Every structure is written in structure tokens, then in C-alpha cells.
Protein backbone atom coordinates (compact mmCIF):
# COMPACT_ATOMS: atom_id res chain seq x y z
CA MET A 1 -29.90 -23.74 62.27
CA LYS A 2 -30.09 -27.24 60.86
CA LEU A 3 -30.61 -28.68 57.42
CA GLY A 4 -33.82 -30.65 56.98
CA ASN A 5 -34.65 -32.81 54.00
CA ASN A 6 -37.40 -34.62 52.14
CA LEU A 7 -35.21 -37.45 50.87
CA ARG A 8 -37.35 -40.19 52.36
CA ARG A 9 -40.47 -38.71 50.76
CA CYS A 10 -38.65 -38.38 47.43
CA ARG A 11 -37.59 -42.04 47.60
CA PHE A 12 -41.09 -43.24 48.38
CA ASP A 13 -42.60 -41.08 45.66
CA ARG A 14 -40.22 -42.84 43.28
CA ASN A 15 -41.75 -46.30 43.63
CA GLU A 16 -40.61 -46.74 47.24
CA MET A 17 -36.95 -46.69 46.22
CA SER A 18 -34.62 -48.14 48.87
CA GLN A 19 -31.75 -46.27 50.45
CA GLU A 20 -29.41 -48.83 48.88
CA ASP A 21 -30.78 -48.24 45.37
CA LEU A 22 -30.53 -44.47 45.75
CA ALA A 23 -26.98 -44.76 47.09
CA LYS A 24 -25.93 -46.84 44.08
CA GLU A 25 -27.48 -44.33 41.65
CA ILE A 26 -25.74 -41.38 43.32
CA GLY A 27 -22.41 -43.08 44.05
CA VAL A 28 -22.42 -43.02 47.86
CA THR A 29 -23.02 -45.61 50.56
CA ARG A 30 -26.39 -46.55 51.99
CA GLN A 31 -25.14 -45.28 55.33
CA THR A 32 -24.59 -41.83 53.79
CA ILE A 33 -28.20 -41.70 52.58
CA HIS A 34 -29.42 -42.90 55.99
CA SER A 35 -27.34 -40.29 57.82
CA ILE A 36 -28.58 -37.48 55.57
CA GLU A 37 -32.21 -38.54 56.03
CA LYS A 38 -31.78 -38.64 59.84
CA GLY A 39 -30.09 -35.22 59.88
CA LYS A 40 -26.84 -36.63 61.23
CA PHE A 41 -24.83 -35.68 58.12
CA VAL A 42 -25.02 -32.47 56.11
CA PRO A 43 -24.22 -33.22 52.46
CA SER A 44 -21.85 -31.07 50.45
CA ALA A 45 -23.48 -28.65 48.03
CA LEU A 46 -22.43 -30.91 45.18
CA LEU A 47 -24.07 -33.98 46.73
CA ALA A 48 -27.22 -32.01 47.61
CA PHE A 49 -27.57 -30.80 44.02
CA LYS A 50 -26.83 -34.28 42.69
CA LEU A 51 -29.64 -35.71 44.83
CA ALA A 52 -32.06 -32.97 43.77
CA ARG A 53 -31.19 -33.49 40.11
CA PHE A 54 -31.71 -37.24 40.45
CA PHE A 55 -35.26 -36.62 41.69
CA ASN A 56 -35.78 -33.89 39.07
CA LYS A 57 -36.59 -31.34 41.78
CA PRO A 58 -35.17 -27.97 42.78
CA ALA A 59 -32.72 -28.29 45.67
CA GLU A 60 -35.12 -26.26 47.84
CA GLU A 61 -37.76 -28.99 47.51
CA VAL A 62 -35.36 -31.66 48.74
CA PHE A 63 -33.46 -29.64 51.38
CA TYR A 64 -34.58 -26.83 53.67
CA ILE A 65 -33.30 -24.86 56.65
CA ILE A 66 -34.74 -25.45 60.11
CA ASP A 67 -34.42 -22.38 62.29
CA ASP A 68 -33.91 -23.52 65.90
CA ASN A 69 -35.17 -20.25 67.39
């Protein structure tokens, strides 16, 4: 299983927000946002909920499980 996400879509739905701007708002680096979006980094539960809250969405709308089977 892998964790998928809609972060890029959420950013673009919010006036095409940049990775840098989102990172500053959340308190992480731009590289962290990039790595999460590309599926190279799985955020902690706290960071995942923080991102979902920022976009005013349930965590399940921002993150989802990809079953590799």
C-alpha cells in the first residue's frame, strides 16, 4: 500500500498557490511539500491533518490509500 494525495489539486484550487507559499503557511520546507506531492515522503499524521485543516477539507479528501494489489 502507498499513500496518495491531492495536495497539488488543493494548491491549484486555492488560487494556484505555490509549494513555497504552502510550505511557509504550514511551517515546513518547499522540498517537504514537493516530496509529499510526488509520493516520496509520507507525512506524519500531525502534518497530514495540518495540511487538511489548512485547505479546510477532511483528511480523506487530501490523502488516500493506494492498494498495490
